[in-house]
Amino acid sequence: MSNHTIQIKEVYQTSHLATREAAKEIVQQADSDDVFDFAGIQFTSSSFVDEFLTQIEDRNLDFNNVVTNLNPDLARLFQAVAKRRRSPVRA
């Protein structure tokens, strides 16, 4: 299998992701070898991040292999939420 990059901003036509439902939809519609490209995403809520991490963990995906192009603010948010959850995130 070859991975496919899901450009979240282009697919979902937004630079802001706020709901658990959005996180669930994004991950559940992806194949197991897809990469989530956060280029152009300016904002995510902590609820979105928490659900996104839950979904990728439930699918036994390694965050560091399936997420790319987090801006510095998003990387810090992902790290903070992961720390609360004790998830292995190196954003």
N, C-alpha and C. Protein backbone atom coordinates (compact mmCIF):
# COMPACT_ATOMS: atom_id res chain seq x y z
N MET A 1 0.83 -1.19 0.00
CA MET A 1 0.00 0.00 0.00
C MET A 1 0.87 1.25 0.00
N SER A 2 0.42 2.25 -0.70
CA SER A 2 1.13 3.52 -0.65
C SER A 2 0.24 4.54 0.06
N ASN A 3 0.90 5.41 0.82
CA ASN A 3 0.07 6.34 1.56
C ASN A 3 -0.42 7.47 0.67
N HIS A 4 -1.54 7.95 1.06
CA HIS A 4 -2.23 9.04 0.41
C HIS A 4 -2.28 10.18 1.41
N THR A 5 -2.03 11.38 0.96
CA THR A 5 -2.07 12.54 1.86
C THR A 5 -3.44 13.19 1.79
N ILE A 6 -4.05 13.33 2.96
CA ILE A 6 -5.33 14.02 3.06
C ILE A 6 -5.05 15.46 3.47
N GLN A 7 -5.23 16.38 2.53
CA GLN A 7 -5.02 17.79 2.81
C GLN A 7 -6.30 18.33 3.44
N ILE A 8 -6.29 18.37 4.75
CA ILE A 8 -7.50 18.64 5.52
C ILE A 8 -8.15 19.97 5.13
N LYS A 9 -7.36 21.01 4.96
CA LYS A 9 -7.93 22.33 4.62
C LYS A 9 -8.67 22.27 3.29
N GLU A 10 -8.09 21.59 2.31
CA GLU A 10 -8.73 21.50 1.00
C GLU A 10 -9.96 20.61 1.01
N VAL A 11 -9.85 19.48 1.67
CA VAL A 11 -10.97 18.53 1.69
C VAL A 11 -12.16 19.09 2.46
N TYR A 12 -11.89 19.72 3.60
CA TYR A 12 -12.98 20.19 4.46
C TYR A 12 -13.27 21.68 4.32
N GLN A 13 -12.54 22.36 3.43
CA GLN A 13 -12.80 23.77 3.11
C GLN A 13 -12.88 24.68 4.33
N THR A 14 -11.94 24.47 5.26
CA THR A 14 -11.89 25.31 6.45
C THR A 14 -10.48 25.33 7.01
N SER A 15 -10.17 26.40 7.74
CA SER A 15 -8.88 26.45 8.42
C SER A 15 -9.07 26.32 9.93
N HIS A 16 -10.32 26.05 10.35
CA HIS A 16 -10.65 25.92 11.78
C HIS A 16 -11.40 24.61 12.01
N LEU A 17 -10.91 23.82 12.95
CA LEU A 17 -11.54 22.54 13.28
C LEU A 17 -11.88 22.55 14.76
N ALA A 18 -13.15 22.41 15.08
CA ALA A 18 -13.54 22.63 16.47
C ALA A 18 -14.27 21.48 17.14
N THR A 19 -14.83 20.55 16.39
CA THR A 19 -15.70 19.57 17.04
C THR A 19 -15.11 18.16 17.06
N ARG A 20 -15.56 17.41 18.04
CA ARG A 20 -15.20 15.99 18.11
C ARG A 20 -15.72 15.25 16.88
N GLU A 21 -16.89 15.63 16.42
CA GLU A 21 -17.48 14.99 15.25
C GLU A 21 -16.59 15.16 14.02
N ALA A 22 -16.02 16.35 13.86
CA ALA A 22 -15.13 16.59 12.72
C ALA A 22 -13.90 15.69 12.80
N ALA A 23 -13.33 15.57 13.98
CA ALA A 23 -12.15 14.72 14.16
C ALA A 23 -12.48 13.27 13.83
N LYS A 24 -13.60 12.82 14.33
CA LYS A 24 -14.02 11.43 14.10
C LYS A 24 -14.22 11.18 12.61
N GLU A 25 -14.90 12.10 11.93
CA GLU A 25 -15.15 11.97 10.50
C GLU A 25 -13.85 11.93 9.70
N ILE A 26 -12.94 12.83 10.03
CA ILE A 26 -11.67 12.90 9.29
C ILE A 26 -10.91 11.59 9.39
N VAL A 27 -10.79 11.06 10.58
CA VAL A 27 -10.01 9.83 10.77
C VAL A 27 -10.75 8.61 10.23
N GLN A 28 -12.04 8.52 10.47
CA GLN A 28 -12.78 7.33 10.05
C GLN A 28 -12.90 7.22 8.54
N GLN A 29 -12.82 8.33 7.82
CA GLN A 29 -12.91 8.27 6.37
C GLN A 29 -11.57 7.97 5.71
N ALA A 30 -10.53 7.92 6.49
CA ALA A 30 -9.18 7.68 5.95
C ALA A 30 -8.85 6.20 5.94
N ASP A 31 -7.95 5.84 5.05
CA ASP A 31 -7.39 4.49 5.05
C ASP A 31 -6.27 4.42 6.07
N SER A 32 -5.90 3.24 6.48
CA SER A 32 -4.91 3.07 7.54
C SER A 32 -3.53 3.59 7.18
N ASP A 33 -3.25 3.76 5.91
CA ASP A 33 -1.92 4.26 5.51
C ASP A 33 -1.94 5.71 5.04
N ASP A 34 -3.05 6.40 5.25
CA ASP A 34 -3.15 7.81 4.87
C ASP A 34 -2.41 8.70 5.86
N VAL A 35 -1.98 9.86 5.36
CA VAL A 35 -1.30 10.87 6.18
C VAL A 35 -2.20 12.10 6.23
N PHE A 36 -2.34 12.67 7.42
CA PHE A 36 -3.18 13.85 7.62
C PHE A 36 -2.31 15.10 7.56
N ASP A 37 -2.53 15.91 6.53
CA ASP A 37 -1.75 17.13 6.31
C ASP A 37 -2.52 18.32 6.86
N PHE A 38 -1.96 18.95 7.91
CA PHE A 38 -2.60 20.08 8.57
C PHE A 38 -2.14 21.43 8.01
N ALA A 39 -1.49 21.46 6.86
CA ALA A 39 -1.06 22.73 6.26
C ALA A 39 -2.27 23.64 6.08
N GLY A 40 -2.14 24.88 6.53
CA GLY A 40 -3.20 25.86 6.38
C GLY A 40 -4.25 25.83 7.47
N ILE A 41 -4.19 24.85 8.35
CA ILE A 41 -5.12 24.82 9.48
C ILE A 41 -4.60 25.78 10.54
N GLN A 42 -5.39 26.77 10.87
CA GLN A 42 -4.99 27.83 11.80
C GLN A 42 -5.42 27.55 13.23
N PHE A 43 -6.52 26.81 13.41
CA PHE A 43 -7.08 26.62 14.74
C PHE A 43 -7.70 25.24 14.86
N THR A 44 -7.48 24.60 16.00
CA THR A 44 -8.26 23.42 16.39
C THR A 44 -8.59 23.59 17.86
N SER A 45 -9.75 23.13 18.24
CA SER A 45 -10.11 23.15 19.66
C SER A 45 -9.44 21.97 20.36
N SER A 46 -9.32 22.06 21.66
CA SER A 46 -8.75 20.93 22.40
C SER A 46 -9.67 19.71 22.29
N SER A 47 -10.97 19.93 22.15
CA SER A 47 -11.90 18.81 21.96
C SER A 47 -11.62 18.09 20.65
N PHE A 48 -11.38 18.86 19.57
CA PHE A 48 -11.03 18.25 18.30
C PHE A 48 -9.76 17.42 18.46
N VAL A 49 -8.73 17.98 19.07
CA VAL A 49 -7.45 17.30 19.23
C VAL A 49 -7.63 16.03 20.06
N ASP A 50 -8.36 16.11 21.15
CA ASP A 50 -8.58 14.94 22.00
C ASP A 50 -9.26 13.82 21.21
N GLU A 51 -10.28 14.14 20.45
CA GLU A 51 -10.98 13.11 19.67
C GLU A 51 -10.11 12.60 18.53
N PHE A 52 -9.36 13.48 17.90
CA PHE A 52 -8.45 13.06 16.83
C PHE A 52 -7.45 12.03 17.38
N LEU A 53 -6.87 12.33 18.53
CA LEU A 53 -5.91 11.40 19.14
C LEU A 53 -6.59 10.08 19.52
N THR A 54 -7.80 10.16 20.04
CA THR A 54 -8.55 8.94 20.37
C THR A 54 -8.76 8.09 19.13
N GLN A 55 -9.16 8.72 18.06
CA GLN A 55 -9.44 7.98 16.82
C GLN A 55 -8.18 7.33 16.25
N ILE A 56 -7.06 8.05 16.23
CA ILE A 56 -5.86 7.42 15.65
C ILE A 56 -5.32 6.32 16.57
N GLU A 57 -5.48 6.50 17.89
CA GLU A 57 -5.06 5.44 18.82
C GLU A 57 -5.96 4.22 18.66
N ASP A 58 -7.26 4.42 18.50
CA ASP A 58 -8.19 3.30 18.32
C ASP A 58 -7.86 2.51 17.06
N ARG A 59 -7.27 3.16 16.08
CA ARG A 59 -6.88 2.48 14.83
C ARG A 59 -5.43 2.01 14.86
N ASN A 60 -4.80 2.14 16.04
CA ASN A 60 -3.40 1.72 16.21
C ASN A 60 -2.45 2.41 15.25
N LEU A 61 -2.70 3.70 15.02
CA LEU A 61 -1.83 4.49 14.16
C LEU A 61 -0.83 5.25 15.02
N ASP A 62 0.36 5.46 14.49
CA ASP A 62 1.39 6.22 15.18
C ASP A 62 1.28 7.69 14.75
N PHE A 63 0.93 8.55 15.69
CA PHE A 63 0.75 9.97 15.42
C PHE A 63 1.90 10.53 14.58
N ASN A 64 3.11 10.20 14.96
CA ASN A 64 4.28 10.79 14.31
C ASN A 64 4.47 10.32 12.88
N ASN A 65 3.76 9.27 12.49
CA ASN A 65 3.84 8.79 11.11
C ASN A 65 2.66 9.23 10.26
N VAL A 66 1.58 9.69 10.90
CA VAL A 66 0.37 10.00 10.13
C VAL A 66 -0.04 11.46 10.15
N VAL A 67 0.70 12.31 10.84
CA VAL A 67 0.37 13.74 10.91
C VAL A 67 1.55 14.56 10.40
N THR A 68 1.25 15.53 9.55
CA THR A 68 2.30 16.38 9.02
C THR A 68 1.81 17.83 8.96
N ASN A 69 2.78 18.74 8.92
CA ASN A 69 2.54 20.17 8.72
C ASN A 69 1.69 20.85 9.79
N LEU A 70 1.90 20.48 11.05
CA LEU A 70 1.26 21.23 12.13
C LEU A 70 2.02 22.54 12.31
N ASN A 71 1.29 23.67 12.38
CA ASN A 71 1.99 24.91 12.67
C ASN A 71 2.42 24.88 14.15
N PRO A 72 3.32 25.76 14.57
CA PRO A 72 3.83 25.70 15.95
C PRO A 72 2.76 25.76 17.03
N ASP A 73 1.73 26.58 16.83
CA ASP A 73 0.66 26.67 17.83
C ASP A 73 -0.11 25.35 17.93
N LEU A 74 -0.43 24.77 16.78
CA LEU A 74 -1.14 23.48 16.80
C LEU A 74 -0.27 22.39 17.40
N ALA A 75 1.01 22.41 17.09
CA ALA A 75 1.92 21.40 17.65
C ALA A 75 1.91 21.48 19.17
N ARG A 76 1.94 22.70 19.71
CA ARG A 76 1.90 22.86 21.17
C ARG A 76 0.58 22.36 21.74
N LEU A 77 -0.52 22.64 21.07
CA LEU A 77 -1.82 22.16 21.54
C LEU A 77 -1.89 20.64 21.51
N PHE A 78 -1.44 20.03 20.44
CA PHE A 78 -1.42 18.56 20.36
C PHE A 78 -0.57 17.98 21.48
N GLN A 79 0.58 18.60 21.74
CA GLN A 79 1.46 18.11 22.81
C GLN A 79 0.79 18.26 24.18
N ALA A 80 0.12 19.38 24.42
CA ALA A 80 -0.54 19.60 25.70
C ALA A 80 -1.68 18.60 25.93
N VAL A 81 -2.47 18.38 24.90
CA VAL A 81 -3.58 17.42 25.03
C VAL A 81 -3.02 16.01 25.20
N ALA A 82 -2.00 15.68 24.44
CA ALA A 82 -1.39 14.35 24.57
C ALA A 82 -0.81 14.14 25.96
N LYS A 83 -0.21 15.19 26.50
CA LYS A 83 0.36 15.07 27.85
C LYS A 83 -0.73 14.78 28.87
N ARG A 84 -1.86 15.47 28.74
CA ARG A 84 -3.00 15.20 29.63
C ARG A 84 -3.46 13.76 29.48
N ARG A 85 -3.42 13.25 28.25
CA ARG A 85 -3.88 11.90 27.96
C ARG A 85 -2.78 10.86 28.16
N ARG A 86 -1.55 11.31 28.30
CA ARG A 86 -0.37 10.45 28.34
C ARG A 86 -0.19 9.68 27.03
N SER A 87 -0.40 10.38 25.92
CA SER A 87 -0.22 9.81 24.59
C SER A 87 1.15 10.19 24.04
N PRO A 88 1.76 9.30 23.27
CA PRO A 88 3.09 9.61 22.70
C PRO A 88 3.01 10.48 21.46
N VAL A 89 3.10 11.80 21.64
CA VAL A 89 3.06 12.74 20.51
C VAL A 89 4.34 13.54 20.52
N ARG A 90 5.03 13.53 19.38
CA ARG A 90 6.20 14.38 19.20
C ARG A 90 5.92 15.29 18.03
N ALA A 91 5.18 16.34 18.26
CA ALA A 91 4.79 17.24 17.17
C ALA A 91 5.84 18.32 16.96
